Amino acid sequence: MTRALHITSSHALIRRYYQELERYGARHVEHESALRSAFQGLLADSARLAGWNLEPEAPLRIGDRLVRPDGTL
């Protein structure tokens, strides 16, 4: 059974995410593909708290199209 999560803006995972974004900002790194790793880390860490796993960019076929969601839990 999945546990319900209550993550607020003061949660350690959120604080760590913003700290990582600040480190990127200090180096003037602002492009999406670089910042993606920080967000994927937040998603993966949050998912683990619920007993889930993150599968980043796993291909998914929808009709005739192949799409890659940013992440699947």
PDB file of N, CA and C in Angstrom:
ATOM      1  N   MET A   1       0.841  -1.177   0.000  1.00  0.00           N
ATOM      2  CA  MET A   1       0.000   0.000   0.000  1.00  0.00           C
ATOM      3  C   MET A   1       0.890   1.246   0.000  1.00  0.00           C
ATOM      4  N   THR A   2       0.507   2.226  -0.761  1.00  0.00           N
ATOM      5  CA  THR A   2       1.259   3.469  -0.873  1.00  0.00           C
ATOM      6  C   THR A   2       0.962   4.370   0.323  1.00  0.00           C
ATOM      7  N   ARG A   3       2.019   4.963   0.862  1.00  0.00           N
ATOM      8  CA  ARG A   3       1.851   5.905   1.961  1.00  0.00           C
ATOM      9  C   ARG A   3       1.566   7.294   1.416  1.00  0.00           C
ATOM     10  N   ALA A   4       0.665   8.002   2.078  1.00  0.00           N
ATOM     11  CA  ALA A   4       0.396   9.390   1.690  1.00  0.00           C
ATOM     12  C   ALA A   4       1.567  10.254   2.143  1.00  0.00           C
ATOM     13  N   LEU A   5       1.937  11.199   1.312  1.00  0.00           N
ATOM     14  CA  LEU A   5       3.037  12.099   1.636  1.00  0.00           C
ATOM     15  C   LEU A   5       2.501  13.482   1.926  1.00  0.00           C
ATOM     16  N   HIS A   6       3.117  14.127   2.872  1.00  0.00           N
ATOM     17  CA  HIS A   6       2.807  15.533   3.136  1.00  0.00           C
ATOM     18  C   HIS A   6       4.146  16.256   3.123  1.00  0.00           C
ATOM     19  N   ILE A   7       4.469  16.840   1.991  1.00  0.00           N
ATOM     20  CA  ILE A   7       5.738  17.545   1.834  1.00  0.00           C
ATOM     21  C   ILE A   7       5.418  19.023   1.684  1.00  0.00           C
ATOM     22  N   THR A   8       5.929  19.816   2.618  1.00  0.00           N
ATOM     23  CA  THR A   8       5.701  21.254   2.582  1.00  0.00           C
ATOM     24  C   THR A   8       6.937  21.955   2.019  1.00  0.00           C
ATOM     25  N   SER A   9       6.826  23.245   1.835  1.00  0.00           N
ATOM     26  CA  SER A   9       7.946  24.023   1.281  1.00  0.00           C
ATOM     27  C   SER A   9       9.152  24.039   2.221  1.00  0.00           C
ATOM     28  N   SER A  10       8.956  23.669   3.477  1.00  0.00           N
ATOM     29  CA  SER A  10      10.083  23.650   4.418  1.00  0.00           C
ATOM     30  C   SER A  10      10.701  22.254   4.570  1.00  0.00           C
ATOM     31  N   HIS A  11      10.190  21.284   3.846  1.00  0.00           N
ATOM     32  CA  HIS A  11      10.706  19.914   3.913  1.00  0.00           C
ATOM     33  C   HIS A  11      12.162  19.886   3.426  1.00  0.00           C
ATOM     34  N   ALA A  12      12.964  19.022   4.015  1.00  0.00           N
ATOM     35  CA  ALA A  12      14.387  18.922   3.669  1.00  0.00           C
ATOM     36  C   ALA A  12      14.594  18.663   2.172  1.00  0.00           C
ATOM     37  N   LEU A  13      13.733  17.857   1.553  1.00  0.00           N
ATOM     38  CA  LEU A  13      13.876  17.576   0.121  1.00  0.00           C
ATOM     39  C   LEU A  13      13.699  18.842  -0.717  1.00  0.00           C
ATOM     40  N   ILE A  14      12.748  19.672  -0.349  1.00  0.00           N
ATOM     41  CA  ILE A  14      12.497  20.922  -1.075  1.00  0.00           C
ATOM     42  C   ILE A  14      13.654  21.893  -0.850  1.00  0.00           C
ATOM     43  N   ARG A  15      14.107  21.981   0.387  1.00  0.00           N
ATOM     44  CA  ARG A  15      15.244  22.880   0.684  1.00  0.00           C
ATOM     45  C   ARG A  15      16.480  22.460  -0.112  1.00  0.00           C
ATOM     46  N   ARG A  16      16.734  21.158  -0.166  1.00  0.00           N
ATOM     47  CA  ARG A  16      17.892  20.654  -0.921  1.00  0.00           C
ATOM     48  C   ARG A  16      17.755  20.972  -2.411  1.00  0.00           C
ATOM     49  N   TYR A  17      16.550  20.853  -2.946  1.00  0.00           N
ATOM     50  CA  TYR A  17      16.291  21.178  -4.352  1.00  0.00           C
ATOM     51  C   TYR A  17      16.627  22.645  -4.629  1.00  0.00           C
ATOM     52  N   TYR A  18      16.138  23.535  -3.785  1.00  0.00           N
ATOM     53  CA  TYR A  18      16.417  24.958  -3.989  1.00  0.00           C
ATOM     54  C   TYR A  18      17.900  25.289  -3.787  1.00  0.00           C
ATOM     55  N   GLN A  19      18.554  24.597  -2.876  1.00  0.00           N
ATOM     56  CA  GLN A  19      19.995  24.802  -2.703  1.00  0.00           C
ATOM     57  C   GLN A  19      20.748  24.406  -3.965  1.00  0.00           C
ATOM     58  N   GLU A  20      20.330  23.312  -4.580  1.00  0.00           N
ATOM     59  CA  GLU A  20      20.979  22.876  -5.813  1.00  0.00           C
ATOM     60  C   GLU A  20      20.733  23.891  -6.931  1.00  0.00           C
ATOM     61  N   LEU A  21      19.512  24.416  -7.015  1.00  0.00           N
ATOM     62  CA  LEU A  21      19.229  25.446  -8.015  1.00  0.00           C
ATOM     63  C   LEU A  21      20.087  26.687  -7.775  1.00  0.00           C
ATOM     64  N   GLU A  22      20.293  27.039  -6.518  1.00  0.00           N
ATOM     65  CA  GLU A  22      21.155  28.185  -6.202  1.00  0.00           C
ATOM     66  C   GLU A  22      22.590  27.936  -6.646  1.00  0.00           C
ATOM     67  N   ARG A  23      23.078  26.710  -6.462  1.00  0.00           N
ATOM     68  CA  ARG A  23      24.434  26.381  -6.917  1.00  0.00           C
ATOM     69  C   ARG A  23      24.545  26.514  -8.435  1.00  0.00           C
ATOM     70  N   TYR A  24      23.509  26.048  -9.148  1.00  0.00           N
ATOM     71  CA  TYR A  24      23.494  26.225 -10.602  1.00  0.00           C
ATOM     72  C   TYR A  24      23.503  27.708 -10.950  1.00  0.00           C
ATOM     73  N   GLY A  25      22.661  28.482 -10.267  1.00  0.00           N
ATOM     74  CA  GLY A  25      22.568  29.909 -10.539  1.00  0.00           C
ATOM     75  C   GLY A  25      23.884  30.627 -10.310  1.00  0.00           C
ATOM     76  N   ALA A  26      24.616  30.224  -9.283  1.00  0.00           N
ATOM     77  CA  ALA A  26      25.906  30.845  -8.984  1.00  0.00           C
ATOM     78  C   ALA A  26      26.901  30.618 -10.127  1.00  0.00           C
ATOM     79  N   ARG A  27      26.694  29.535 -10.868  1.00  0.00           N
ATOM     80  CA  ARG A  27      27.562  29.231 -12.017  1.00  0.00           C
ATOM     81  C   ARG A  27      26.924  29.666 -13.333  1.00  0.00           C
ATOM     82  N   HIS A  28      25.803  30.391 -13.248  1.00  0.00           N
ATOM     83  CA  HIS A  28      25.074  30.895 -14.420  1.00  0.00           C
ATOM     84  C   HIS A  28      24.581  29.774 -15.330  1.00  0.00           C
ATOM     85  N   VAL A  29      24.239  28.655 -14.717  1.00  0.00           N
ATOM     86  CA  VAL A  29      23.664  27.525 -15.459  1.00  0.00           C
ATOM     87  C   VAL A  29      22.151  27.678 -15.397  1.00  0.00           C
ATOM     88  N   GLU A  30      21.530  27.892 -16.541  1.00  0.00           N
ATOM     89  CA  GLU A  30      20.096  28.151 -16.547  1.00  0.00           C
ATOM     90  C   GLU A  30      19.322  27.345 -17.583  1.00  0.00           C
ATOM     91  N   HIS A  31      19.992  26.549 -18.403  1.00  0.00           N
ATOM     92  CA  HIS A  31      19.270  25.806 -19.429  1.00  0.00           C
ATOM     93  C   HIS A  31      18.552  24.592 -18.836  1.00  0.00           C
ATOM     94  N   GLU A  32      17.430  24.257 -19.451  1.00  0.00           N
ATOM     95  CA  GLU A  32      16.535  23.236 -18.913  1.00  0.00           C
ATOM     96  C   GLU A  32      17.212  21.886 -18.713  1.00  0.00           C
ATOM     97  N   SER A  33      18.024  21.459 -19.657  1.00  0.00           N
ATOM     98  CA  SER A  33      18.598  20.121 -19.536  1.00  0.00           C
ATOM     99  C   SER A  33      19.535  20.000 -18.341  1.00  0.00           C
ATOM    100  N   ALA A  34      20.165  21.091 -17.934  1.00  0.00           N
ATOM    101  CA  ALA A  34      21.012  21.045 -16.743  1.00  0.00           C
ATOM    102  C   ALA A  34      20.166  21.047 -15.476  1.00  0.00           C
ATOM    103  N   LEU A  35      19.125  21.868 -15.459  1.00  0.00           N
ATOM    104  CA  LEU A  35      18.283  21.964 -14.273  1.00  0.00           C
ATOM    105  C   LEU A  35      17.432  20.712 -14.072  1.00  0.00           C
ATOM    106  N   ARG A  36      17.255  19.955 -15.128  1.00  0.00           N
ATOM    107  CA  ARG A  36      16.455  18.733 -15.063  1.00  0.00           C
ATOM    108  C   ARG A  36      16.980  17.780 -13.993  1.00  0.00           C
ATOM    109  N   SER A  37      18.289  17.688 -13.855  1.00  0.00           N
ATOM    110  CA  SER A  37      18.849  16.736 -12.887  1.00  0.00           C
ATOM    111  C   SER A  37      18.428  17.078 -11.461  1.00  0.00           C
ATOM    112  N   ALA A  38      18.354  18.361 -11.137  1.00  0.00           N
ATOM    113  CA  ALA A  38      17.908  18.759  -9.803  1.00  0.00           C
ATOM    114  C   ALA A  38      16.460  18.344  -9.582  1.00  0.00           C
ATOM    115  N   PHE A  39      15.610  18.555 -10.573  1.00  0.00           N
ATOM    116  CA  PHE A  39      14.198  18.204 -10.437  1.00  0.00           C
ATOM    117  C   PHE A  39      14.021  16.687 -10.394  1.00  0.00           C
ATOM    118  N   GLN A  40      14.778  15.965 -11.210  1.00  0.00           N
ATOM    119  CA  GLN A  40      14.682  14.504 -11.175  1.00  0.00           C
ATOM    120  C   GLN A  40      15.109  13.976  -9.808  1.00  0.00           C
ATOM    121  N   GLY A  41      16.124  14.606  -9.215  1.00  0.00           N
ATOM    122  CA  GLY A  41      16.539  14.196  -7.873  1.00  0.00           C
ATOM    123  C   GLY A  41      15.430  14.407  -6.861  1.00  0.00           C
ATOM    124  N   LEU A  42      14.753  15.544  -6.951  1.00  0.00           N
ATOM    125  CA  LEU A  42      13.627  15.823  -6.058  1.00  0.00           C
ATOM    126  C   LEU A  42      12.518  14.793  -6.260  1.00  0.00           C
ATOM    127  N   LEU A  43      12.182  14.503  -7.502  1.00  0.00           N
ATOM    128  CA  LEU A  43      11.145  13.509  -7.776  1.00  0.00           C
ATOM    129  C   LEU A  43      11.534  12.128  -7.253  1.00  0.00           C
ATOM    130  N   ALA A  44      12.763  11.716  -7.520  1.00  0.00           N
ATOM    131  CA  ALA A  44      13.221  10.388  -7.094  1.00  0.00           C
ATOM    132  C   ALA A  44      13.221  10.265  -5.576  1.00  0.00           C
ATOM    133  N   ASP A  45      13.732  11.280  -4.892  1.00  0.00           N
ATOM    134  CA  ASP A  45      13.773  11.241  -3.424  1.00  0.00           C
ATOM    135  C   ASP A  45      12.376  11.245  -2.829  1.00  0.00           C
ATOM    136  N   SER A  46      11.486  12.047  -3.405  1.00  0.00           N
ATOM    137  CA  SER A  46      10.098  12.097  -2.924  1.00  0.00           C
ATOM    138  C   SER A  46       9.389  10.769  -3.179  1.00  0.00           C
ATOM    139  N   ALA A  47       9.605  10.201  -4.341  1.00  0.00           N
ATOM    140  CA  ALA A  47       8.974   8.923  -4.681  1.00  0.00           C
ATOM    141  C   ALA A  47       9.401   7.829  -3.715  1.00  0.00           C
ATOM    142  N   ARG A  48      10.679   7.815  -3.356  1.00  0.00           N
ATOM    143  CA  ARG A  48      11.181   6.800  -2.430  1.00  0.00           C
ATOM    144  C   ARG A  48      10.452   6.846  -1.093  1.00  0.00           C
ATOM    145  N   LEU A  49      10.098   8.047  -0.640  1.00  0.00           N
ATOM    146  CA  LEU A  49       9.362   8.181   0.623  1.00  0.00           C
ATOM    147  C   LEU A  49       8.014   7.473   0.571  1.00  0.00           C
ATOM    148  N   ALA A  50       7.446   7.374  -0.622  1.00  0.00           N
ATOM    149  CA  ALA A  50       6.152   6.713  -0.805  1.00  0.00           C
ATOM    150  C   ALA A  50       6.312   5.245  -1.209  1.00  0.00           C
ATOM    151  N   GLY A  51       7.574   4.788  -1.306  1.00  0.00           N
ATOM    152  CA  GLY A  51       7.812   3.411  -1.724  1.00  0.00           C
ATOM    153  C   GLY A  51       7.754   3.233  -3.234  1.00  0.00           C
ATOM    154  N   TRP A  52       7.884   4.327  -3.979  1.00  0.00           N
ATOM    155  CA  TRP A  52       7.858   4.294  -5.430  1.00  0.00           C
ATOM    156  C   TRP A  52       9.262   4.495  -5.974  1.00  0.00           C
ATOM    157  N   ASN A  53       9.413   4.303  -7.276  1.00  0.00           N
ATOM    158  CA  ASN A  53      10.666   4.562  -7.977  1.00  0.00           C
ATOM    159  C   ASN A  53      10.391   5.492  -9.149  1.00  0.00           C
ATOM    160  N   LEU A  54      11.363   6.304  -9.480  1.00  0.00           N
ATOM    161  CA  LEU A  54      11.275   7.186 -10.643  1.00  0.00           C
ATOM    162  C   LEU A  54      11.997   6.529 -11.801  1.00  0.00           C
ATOM    163  N   GLU A  55      11.333   6.488 -12.928  1.00  0.00           N
ATOM    164  CA  GLU A  55      11.974   6.047 -14.158  1.00  0.00           C
ATOM    165  C   GLU A  55      11.994   7.251 -15.094  1.00  0.00           C
ATOM    166  N   PRO A  56      13.143   7.951 -15.173  1.00  0.00           N
ATOM    167  CA  PRO A  56      13.199   9.159 -15.993  1.00  0.00           C
ATOM    168  C   PRO A  56      13.146   8.855 -17.487  1.00  0.00           C
ATOM    169  N   GLU A  57      12.326   9.617 -18.170  1.00  0.00           N
ATOM    170  CA  GLU A  57      12.251   9.611 -19.631  1.00  0.00           C
ATOM    171  C   GLU A  57      12.063   8.227 -20.249  1.00  0.00           C
ATOM    172  N   ALA A  58      11.273   7.396 -19.602  1.00  0.00           N
ATOM    173  CA  ALA A  58      10.986   6.072 -20.165  1.00  0.00           C
ATOM    174  C   ALA A  58      10.049   6.232 -21.357  1.00  0.00           C
ATOM    175  N   PRO A  59      10.388   5.652 -22.507  1.00  0.00           N
ATOM    176  CA  PRO A  59       9.529   5.791 -23.683  1.00  0.00           C
ATOM    177  C   PRO A  59       8.172   5.132 -23.450  1.00  0.00           C
ATOM    178  N   LEU A  60       7.152   5.765 -23.998  1.00  0.00           N
ATOM    179  CA  LEU A  60       5.783   5.293 -23.841  1.00  0.00           C
ATOM    180  C   LEU A  60       5.084   5.442 -25.189  1.00  0.00           C
ATOM    181  N   ARG A  61       4.473   4.380 -25.665  1.00  0.00           N
ATOM    182  CA  ARG A  61       3.775   4.445 -26.946  1.00  0.00           C
ATOM    183  C   ARG A  61       2.331   4.836 -26.697  1.00  0.00           C
ATOM    184  N   ILE A  62       1.907   5.904 -27.373  1.00  0.00           N
ATOM    185  CA  ILE A  62       0.521   6.355 -27.331  1.00  0.00           C
ATOM    186  C   ILE A  62       0.032   6.372 -28.775  1.00  0.00           C
ATOM    187  N   GLY A  63      -0.792   5.396 -29.099  1.00  0.00           N
ATOM    188  CA  GLY A  63      -1.217   5.252 -30.499  1.00  0.00           C
ATOM    189  C   GLY A  63      -0.005   4.947 -31.359  1.00  0.00           C
ATOM    190  N   ASP A  64       0.192   5.762 -32.382  1.00  0.00           N
ATOM    191  CA  ASP A  64       1.333   5.587 -33.281  1.00  0.00           C
ATOM    192  C   ASP A  64       2.547   6.389 -32.855  1.00  0.00           C
ATOM    193  N   ARG A  65       2.421   7.154 -31.776  1.00  0.00           N
ATOM    194  CA  ARG A  65       3.500   8.047 -31.356  1.00  0.00           C
ATOM    195  C   ARG A  65       4.291   7.469 -30.186  1.00  0.00           C
ATOM    196  N   LEU A  66       5.560   7.752 -30.174  1.00  0.00           N
ATOM    197  CA  LEU A  66       6.437   7.400 -29.063  1.00  0.00           C
ATOM    198  C   LEU A  66       6.760   8.690 -28.320  1.00  0.00           C
ATOM    199  N   VAL A  67       6.388   8.767 -27.060  1.00  0.00           N
ATOM    200  CA  VAL A  67       6.637   9.953 -26.260  1.00  0.00           C
ATOM    201  C   VAL A  67       7.556   9.590 -25.089  1.00  0.00           C
ATOM    202  N   ARG A  68       8.236  10.598 -24.558  1.00  0.00           N
ATOM    203  CA  ARG A  68       9.121  10.392 -23.413  1.00  0.00           C
ATOM    204  C   ARG A  68       8.741  11.386 -22.325  1.00  0.00           C
ATOM    205  N   PRO A  69       7.887  10.959 -21.381  1.00  0.00           N
ATOM    206  CA  PRO A  69       7.557  11.854 -20.266  1.00  0.00           C
ATOM    207  C   PRO A  69       8.818  12.148 -19.458  1.00  0.00           C
ATOM    208  N   ASP A  70       8.859  13.307 -18.825  1.00  0.00           N
ATOM    209  CA  ASP A  70      10.026  13.660 -18.000  1.00  0.00           C
ATOM    210  C   ASP A  70      10.289  12.589 -16.955  1.00  0.00           C
ATOM    211  N   GLY A  71       9.245  12.002 -16.427  1.00  0.00           N
ATOM    212  CA  GLY A  71       9.425  10.945 -15.435  1.00  0.00           C
ATOM    213  C   GLY A  71       8.154  10.153 -15.240  1.00  0.00           C
ATOM    214  N   THR A  72       8.312   8.891 -14.911  1.00  0.00           N
ATOM    215  CA  THR A  72       7.193   8.008 -14.616  1.00  0.00           C
ATOM    216  C   THR A  72       7.442   7.425 -13.231  1.00  0.00           C
ATOM    217  N   LEU A  73       6.404   7.458 -12.391  1.00  0.00           N
ATOM    218  CA  LEU A  73       6.528   6.903 -11.035  1.00  0.00           C
ATOM    219  C   LEU A  73       5.798   5.572 -10.991  1.00  0.00           C
TER     220      LEU A  73
END
